[in-house]
Amino acid sequence: MRVINKKILVFIVGLILLIAAILSLSDDLFSPYVSFEYAEKHPGKYVQVIGKRAADSEVIHTSAGFSFTMIDEAGSRLKAFHNGVKPQNFEHTEQIVALGKYSADKQIFEADKVLVKCPSKYEKENK
């Protein structure tokens, strides 16, 4: 009987340690989106930032991609660069999700993916 109790105790302790390890290793387990402040404090770490394009900023096209100023949900502004094609409805979207890394050297968010929410799709659903 004592052997069974020891096995159960070892199992429970192991399970608690496993859960604690998973929670401590995963910064974004419950919220996949981070702020620019978090990205700036963790340069080089791959993150997702949700926000919108600053209305007072230009979208600048280059041969390598395009850049724009983005405002995250906390209100922080940061220049972002994407080395791909600009999404078709980029100027008309209400939300942008930029996936990438903050470059401390360049002081820019380097997005390898830029996702946009299609406003017309959601406007039709709300009517």
C-alpha atoms as a PDB file:
ATOM      1  CA  MET A   1       0.000   0.000   0.000  1.00  0.00           C
ATOM      2  CA  ARG A   2       2.840   2.474   0.782  1.00  0.00           C
ATOM      3  CA  VAL A   3       4.426   1.817  -2.638  1.00  0.00           C
ATOM      4  CA  ILE A   4       1.225   2.865  -4.396  1.00  0.00           C
ATOM      5  CA  ASN A   5       1.015   6.051  -2.318  1.00  0.00           C
ATOM      6  CA  LYS A   6       4.660   6.903  -3.156  1.00  0.00           C
ATOM      7  CA  LYS A   7       3.981   6.384  -6.869  1.00  0.00           C
ATOM      8  CA  ILE A   8       0.925   8.617  -6.721  1.00  0.00           C
ATOM      9  CA  LEU A   9       2.868  11.285  -4.824  1.00  0.00           C
ATOM     10  CA  VAL A  10       5.751  11.162  -7.330  1.00  0.00           C
ATOM     11  CA  PHE A  11       3.250  11.388 -10.205  1.00  0.00           C
ATOM     12  CA  ILE A  12       1.482  14.408  -8.683  1.00  0.00           C
ATOM     13  CA  VAL A  13       4.755  16.223  -7.954  1.00  0.00           C
ATOM     14  CA  GLY A  14       5.974  15.476 -11.497  1.00  0.00           C
ATOM     15  CA  LEU A  15       2.725  16.751 -12.983  1.00  0.00           C
ATOM     16  CA  ILE A  16       2.940  19.981 -10.968  1.00  0.00           C
ATOM     17  CA  LEU A  17       6.545  20.521 -12.091  1.00  0.00           C
ATOM     18  CA  LEU A  18       5.585  19.882 -15.723  1.00  0.00           C
ATOM     19  CA  ILE A  19       2.736  22.397 -15.586  1.00  0.00           C
ATOM     20  CA  ALA A  20       4.984  24.976 -13.910  1.00  0.00           C
ATOM     21  CA  ALA A  21       7.656  24.473 -16.592  1.00  0.00           C
ATOM     22  CA  ILE A  22       5.158  24.888 -19.425  1.00  0.00           C
ATOM     23  CA  LEU A  23       3.749  28.081 -17.923  1.00  0.00           C
ATOM     24  CA  SER A  24       7.167  29.611 -17.281  1.00  0.00           C
ATOM     25  CA  LEU A  25       8.566  28.773 -20.728  1.00  0.00           C
ATOM     26  CA  SER A  26       5.635  30.122 -22.687  1.00  0.00           C
ATOM     27  CA  ASP A  27       5.387  33.925 -22.464  1.00  0.00           C
ATOM     28  CA  ASP A  28       2.474  34.039 -24.864  1.00  0.00           C
ATOM     29  CA  LEU A  29       0.472  30.993 -23.812  1.00  0.00           C
ATOM     30  CA  PHE A  30      -2.667  32.983 -23.065  1.00  0.00           C
ATOM     31  CA  SER A  31      -2.144  36.042 -25.275  1.00  0.00           C
ATOM     32  CA  PRO A  32      -0.217  35.658 -28.510  1.00  0.00           C
ATOM     33  CA  TYR A  33       0.032  39.427 -29.013  1.00  0.00           C
ATOM     34  CA  VAL A  34       2.608  41.663 -27.351  1.00  0.00           C
ATOM     35  CA  SER A  35       3.201  45.405 -27.250  1.00  0.00           C
ATOM     36  CA  PHE A  36       6.023  47.266 -28.976  1.00  0.00           C
ATOM     37  CA  GLU A  37       7.421  47.932 -25.500  1.00  0.00           C
ATOM     38  CA  TYR A  38       7.769  44.166 -24.954  1.00  0.00           C
ATOM     39  CA  ALA A  39       9.293  43.700 -28.419  1.00  0.00           C
ATOM     40  CA  GLU A  40      11.832  46.475 -27.757  1.00  0.00           C
ATOM     41  CA  LYS A  41      12.817  44.867 -24.450  1.00  0.00           C
ATOM     42  CA  HIS A  42      13.324  41.517 -26.214  1.00  0.00           C
ATOM     43  CA  PRO A  43      15.110  42.383 -29.485  1.00  0.00           C
ATOM     44  CA  GLY A  44      15.497  39.453 -31.840  1.00  0.00           C
ATOM     45  CA  LYS A  45      12.608  37.510 -30.296  1.00  0.00           C
ATOM     46  CA  TYR A  46       9.863  36.521 -32.750  1.00  0.00           C
ATOM     47  CA  VAL A  47       6.586  38.137 -31.637  1.00  0.00           C
ATOM     48  CA  GLN A  48       3.146  39.187 -32.890  1.00  0.00           C
ATOM     49  CA  VAL A  49       2.019  42.784 -32.485  1.00  0.00           C
ATOM     50  CA  ILE A  50      -1.570  43.820 -33.171  1.00  0.00           C
ATOM     51  CA  GLY A  51      -2.516  47.397 -33.894  1.00  0.00           C
ATOM     52  CA  LYS A  52      -3.284  49.805 -36.695  1.00  0.00           C
ATOM     53  CA  ARG A  53      -1.424  51.908 -39.237  1.00  0.00           C
ATOM     54  CA  ALA A  54      -0.858  55.461 -38.055  1.00  0.00           C
ATOM     55  CA  ALA A  55      -3.194  57.649 -40.114  1.00  0.00           C
ATOM     56  CA  ASP A  56      -0.622  60.449 -40.266  1.00  0.00           C
ATOM     57  CA  SER A  57       2.128  58.242 -41.708  1.00  0.00           C
ATOM     58  CA  GLU A  58       2.977  57.379 -45.285  1.00  0.00           C
ATOM     59  CA  VAL A  59       3.437  53.897 -46.637  1.00  0.00           C
ATOM     60  CA  ILE A  60       6.901  53.994 -48.203  1.00  0.00           C
ATOM     61  CA  HIS A  61       7.610  51.498 -50.978  1.00  0.00           C
ATOM     62  CA  THR A  62      11.138  50.329 -51.799  1.00  0.00           C
ATOM     63  CA  SER A  63      12.544  47.583 -53.995  1.00  0.00           C
ATOM     64  CA  ALA A  64      12.949  45.464 -50.843  1.00  0.00           C
ATOM     65  CA  GLY A  65       9.397  45.912 -49.499  1.00  0.00           C
ATOM     66  CA  PHE A  66       7.452  48.636 -47.711  1.00  0.00           C
ATOM     67  CA  SER A  67       7.546  50.502 -44.402  1.00  0.00           C
ATOM     68  CA  PHE A  68       4.887  52.201 -42.325  1.00  0.00           C
ATOM     69  CA  THR A  69       4.303  53.485 -38.809  1.00  0.00           C
ATOM     70  CA  MET A  70       2.170  51.231 -36.649  1.00  0.00           C
ATOM     71  CA  ILE A  71       0.372  51.965 -33.372  1.00  0.00           C
ATOM     72  CA  ASP A  72      -0.050  48.998 -31.029  1.00  0.00           C
ATOM     73  CA  GLU A  73      -3.018  48.487 -28.694  1.00  0.00           C
ATOM     74  CA  ALA A  74      -1.157  50.288 -25.878  1.00  0.00           C
ATOM     75  CA  GLY A  75      -0.761  53.386 -28.071  1.00  0.00           C
ATOM     76  CA  SER A  76       2.984  53.016 -28.732  1.00  0.00           C
ATOM     77  CA  ARG A  77       4.196  53.992 -32.209  1.00  0.00           C
ATOM     78  CA  LEU A  78       6.976  52.229 -34.066  1.00  0.00           C
ATOM     79  CA  LYS A  79       8.182  52.122 -37.637  1.00  0.00           C
ATOM     80  CA  ALA A  80       7.698  48.697 -39.205  1.00  0.00           C
ATOM     81  CA  PHE A  81       9.235  47.215 -42.347  1.00  0.00           C
ATOM     82  CA  HIS A  82       7.952  44.234 -44.321  1.00  0.00           C
ATOM     83  CA  ASN A  83      10.149  42.712 -47.003  1.00  0.00           C
ATOM     84  CA  GLY A  84       7.216  41.400 -48.987  1.00  0.00           C
ATOM     85  CA  VAL A  85       4.203  42.553 -50.929  1.00  0.00           C
ATOM     86  CA  LYS A  86       1.805  44.975 -49.252  1.00  0.00           C
ATOM     87  CA  PRO A  87      -1.586  43.328 -48.589  1.00  0.00           C
ATOM     88  CA  GLN A  88      -4.230  44.495 -51.060  1.00  0.00           C
ATOM     89  CA  ASN A  89      -6.528  46.246 -48.562  1.00  0.00           C
ATOM     90  CA  PHE A  90      -3.722  47.563 -46.332  1.00  0.00           C
ATOM     91  CA  GLU A  91      -4.792  51.245 -46.460  1.00  0.00           C
ATOM     92  CA  HIS A  92      -8.419  50.426 -45.600  1.00  0.00           C
ATOM     93  CA  THR A  93      -7.971  47.923 -42.799  1.00  0.00           C
ATOM     94  CA  GLU A  94      -8.771  48.654 -39.180  1.00  0.00           C
ATOM     95  CA  GLN A  95      -6.388  46.097 -37.696  1.00  0.00           C
ATOM     96  CA  ILE A  96      -2.919  44.901 -38.603  1.00  0.00           C
ATOM     97  CA  VAL A  97      -1.042  41.968 -37.142  1.00  0.00           C
ATOM     98  CA  ALA A  98       2.704  42.216 -37.697  1.00  0.00           C
ATOM     99  CA  LEU A  99       4.761  39.081 -37.048  1.00  0.00           C
ATOM    100  CA  GLY A 100       8.497  39.504 -36.732  1.00  0.00           C
ATOM    101  CA  LYS A 101      11.336  40.813 -34.586  1.00  0.00           C
ATOM    102  CA  TYR A 102      12.428  44.169 -33.233  1.00  0.00           C
ATOM    103  CA  SER A 103      15.864  45.248 -34.480  1.00  0.00           C
ATOM    104  CA  ALA A 104      17.615  47.318 -31.811  1.00  0.00           C
ATOM    105  CA  ASP A 105      20.340  48.326 -34.291  1.00  0.00           C
ATOM    106  CA  LYS A 106      17.877  49.753 -36.821  1.00  0.00           C
ATOM    107  CA  GLN A 107      15.235  50.726 -34.222  1.00  0.00           C
ATOM    108  CA  ILE A 108      12.535  49.212 -36.415  1.00  0.00           C
ATOM    109  CA  PHE A 109      10.134  46.284 -36.244  1.00  0.00           C
ATOM    110  CA  GLU A 110      11.074  43.877 -39.031  1.00  0.00           C
ATOM    111  CA  ALA A 111       7.903  42.001 -39.975  1.00  0.00           C
ATOM    112  CA  ASP A 112       8.193  38.874 -42.058  1.00  0.00           C
ATOM    113  CA  LYS A 113       4.380  38.674 -42.190  1.00  0.00           C
ATOM    114  CA  VAL A 114       1.739  41.395 -42.200  1.00  0.00           C
ATOM    115  CA  LEU A 115      -1.866  40.274 -41.817  1.00  0.00           C
ATOM    116  CA  VAL A 116      -4.871  42.556 -42.203  1.00  0.00           C
ATOM    117  CA  LYS A 117      -8.507  42.306 -41.176  1.00  0.00           C
ATOM    118  CA  CYS A 118     -10.855  42.762 -44.120  1.00  0.00           C
ATOM    119  CA  PRO A 119     -13.271  45.527 -43.046  1.00  0.00           C
ATOM    120  CA  SER A 120     -15.865  44.953 -45.793  1.00  0.00           C
ATOM    121  CA  LYS A 121     -16.292  41.309 -44.807  1.00  0.00           C
ATOM    122  CA  TYR A 122     -17.105  42.231 -41.204  1.00  0.00           C
ATOM    123  CA  GLU A 123     -19.327  45.196 -42.134  1.00  0.00           C
ATOM    124  CA  LYS A 124     -21.619  42.857 -44.118  1.00  0.00           C
ATOM    125  CA  GLU A 125     -21.833  40.425 -41.195  1.00  0.00           C
ATOM    126  CA  ASN A 126     -22.842  43.204 -38.763  1.00  0.00           C
ATOM    127  CA  LYS A 127     -25.776  44.412 -40.920  1.00  0.00           C
END
